[in-house]
Protein backbone atom coordinates (compact mmCIF):
# COMPACT_ATOMS: atom_id res chain seq x y z
CA UNK A 1 -7.85 22.20 -15.77
CA UNK A 2 -11.28 20.63 -15.99
CA UNK A 3 -12.25 19.44 -12.45
CA UNK A 4 -13.34 16.01 -13.71
CA UNK A 5 -10.01 15.47 -15.46
CA UNK A 6 -8.19 16.71 -12.37
CA UNK A 7 -10.09 14.22 -10.20
CA UNK A 8 -9.34 11.36 -12.61
CA UNK A 9 -5.68 12.38 -12.59
CA UNK A 10 -5.77 12.42 -8.77
CA UNK A 11 -6.81 8.75 -8.67
CA UNK A 12 -4.31 7.67 -11.33
CA UNK A 13 -1.35 9.53 -9.83
CA UNK A 14 -2.30 8.54 -6.27
CA UNK A 15 -2.35 4.90 -7.29
CA UNK A 16 0.91 5.10 -9.31
CA UNK A 17 2.89 7.07 -6.71
CA UNK A 18 1.59 4.89 -3.86
CA UNK A 19 2.50 1.77 -5.82
CA UNK A 20 6.03 3.03 -6.46
CA UNK A 21 6.50 3.69 -2.73
CA UNK A 22 5.07 0.24 -1.94
CA UNK A 23 7.30 -1.60 -4.42
CA UNK A 24 10.38 0.37 -3.36
CA UNK A 25 9.90 -0.51 0.30
CA UNK A 26 9.22 -4.18 -0.45
CA UNK A 27 12.43 -4.35 -2.49
CA UNK A 28 14.37 -2.58 0.26
CA UNK A 29 12.99 -5.11 2.73
CA UNK A 30 14.38 -7.96 0.61
CA UNK A 31 17.86 -6.46 0.92
CA UNK A 32 17.63 -5.60 4.64
CA UNK A 33 16.07 -8.93 5.66
CA UNK A 34 16.80 -11.43 2.87
CA UNK A 35 14.69 -14.56 2.88
CA UNK A 36 16.27 -17.81 1.71
CA UNK A 37 14.91 -19.12 -1.60
CA UNK A 38 12.83 -16.03 -2.35
CA UNK A 39 12.30 -14.92 -5.92
CA UNK A 40 10.15 -11.78 -5.53
CA UNK A 41 9.08 -11.99 -9.18
CA UNK A 42 7.39 -15.38 -8.67
CA UNK A 43 4.29 -15.48 -6.44
CA UNK A 44 4.70 -19.21 -5.83
CA UNK A 45 8.29 -18.64 -4.65
CA UNK A 46 7.09 -15.90 -2.31
CA UNK A 47 4.36 -18.17 -0.92
CA UNK A 48 6.87 -20.98 -0.32
CA UNK A 49 9.42 -18.63 1.27
CA UNK A 50 6.80 -17.34 3.73
CA UNK A 51 6.85 -20.73 5.44
CA UNK A 52 10.30 -19.92 6.84
CA UNK A 53 9.69 -16.19 7.44
CA UNK A 54 10.32 -14.70 10.85
CA UNK A 55 8.51 -11.71 12.34
CA UNK A 56 11.23 -9.35 11.07
CA UNK A 57 10.35 -10.30 7.49
CA UNK A 58 6.93 -8.67 7.90
CA UNK A 59 8.21 -5.23 8.92
CA UNK A 60 8.86 -3.95 5.42
CA UNK A 61 5.69 -5.39 3.86
CA UNK A 62 3.64 -3.59 6.52
CA UNK A 63 5.61 -0.36 6.05
CA UNK A 64 5.24 -0.69 2.27
CA UNK A 65 1.48 -1.11 2.51
CA UNK A 66 1.00 1.64 5.09
CA UNK A 67 3.36 4.24 3.60
CA UNK A 68 2.36 3.44 0.01
CA UNK A 69 -1.26 4.03 0.93
CA UNK A 70 -0.43 7.16 2.96
CA UNK A 71 1.56 8.76 0.15
CA UNK A 72 -0.87 7.68 -2.57
CA UNK A 73 -3.84 9.05 -0.62
CA UNK A 74 -2.02 12.32 0.08
CA UNK A 75 -1.18 12.72 -3.62
CA UNK A 76 -4.80 12.03 -4.60
CA UNK A 77 -6.15 14.48 -2.02
CA UNK A 78 -3.64 17.14 -2.97
CA UNK A 79 -4.48 16.92 -6.68
CA UNK A 80 -8.27 16.44 -6.41
CA UNK A 81 -10.34 19.45 -7.40
CA UNK A 82 -13.05 18.64 -4.84
CA UNK A 83 -14.01 16.03 -2.25
CA UNK A 84 -10.35 15.58 -1.32
CA UNK A 85 -10.97 13.15 1.55
CA UNK A 86 -13.20 10.97 -0.65
CA UNK A 87 -10.39 10.64 -3.18
CA UNK A 88 -7.87 9.85 -0.45
CA UNK A 89 -10.17 7.16 0.93
CA UNK A 90 -10.75 5.80 -2.58
CA UNK A 91 -7.00 5.19 -2.78
CA UNK A 92 -7.22 3.44 0.59
CA UNK A 93 -10.03 1.20 -0.67
CA UNK A 94 -8.10 0.45 -3.87
CA UNK A 95 -5.00 -0.56 -1.91
CA UNK A 96 -7.12 -2.49 0.62
CA UNK A 97 -8.65 -4.51 -2.22
CA UNK A 98 -5.14 -5.30 -3.42
CA UNK A 99 -4.11 -6.27 0.11
CA UNK A 100 -7.07 -8.61 0.48
CA UNK A 101 -6.33 -10.20 -2.88
CA UNK A 102 -2.62 -10.70 -2.09
CA UNK A 103 -3.47 -12.13 1.35
CA UNK A 104 -5.31 -14.93 -0.45
CA UNK A 105 -2.23 -15.69 -2.58
CA UNK A 106 0.57 -15.43 -0.02
CA UNK A 107 0.20 -17.25 3.30
CA UNK A 108 1.12 -15.06 6.25
CA UNK A 109 0.57 -15.34 9.98
CA UNK A 110 -2.90 -14.32 11.06
CA UNK A 111 -1.51 -11.53 13.27
CA UNK A 112 0.14 -9.95 10.23
CA UNK A 113 -2.86 -10.29 7.93
CA UNK A 114 -5.21 -8.74 10.49
CA UNK A 115 -2.79 -5.95 11.43
CA UNK A 116 -2.06 -5.20 7.81
CA UNK A 117 -5.67 -5.13 6.62
CA UNK A 118 -6.93 -3.15 9.62
CA UNK A 119 -4.13 -0.58 10.05
CA UNK A 120 -2.24 -0.18 6.77
CA UNK A 121 -4.96 0.94 4.40
CA UNK A 122 -8.03 2.93 5.47
CA UNK A 123 -6.43 4.63 8.52
CA UNK A 124 -3.38 5.61 6.46
CA UNK A 125 -5.57 6.89 3.64
CA UNK A 126 -7.49 9.00 6.16
CA UNK A 127 -4.25 10.43 7.60
CA UNK A 128 -2.95 11.13 4.08
CA UNK A 129 -6.21 12.84 3.18
CA UNK A 130 -6.16 14.97 6.32
CA UNK A 131 -2.53 15.93 5.78
CA UNK A 132 -2.93 16.87 2.12
CA UNK A 133 -6.23 18.70 2.67
CA UNK A 134 -4.45 21.11 5.04
CA UNK A 135 -1.85 22.05 2.43
């Protein structure tokens, strides 16, 4: 396969697979720790429900962001024809941008926002890139 096409495919599949992992874990979190009055399909409902959220309600969002980024970055690095770590980190930056955007829409405690933005994206992308580059 053409290396340019392979690298484009790496970004697309890394983003899609990472997003599926992210969404799956967020949905699992809603069943493990249900939050009263939450409609996950309505951003305003999510923002309002966050006012009554306890610390346990932030476990699955963090896991979703971290593991979604980790898996997406690993997929991108595994598929990329060259510069595997750069493609893994690109997935991390893509997910970080999404995390920053969502943090402006959904109010969360400062401790969660900082922890999430600092630990769930770039470090996980780096780990995913390292892991996949060894394979």
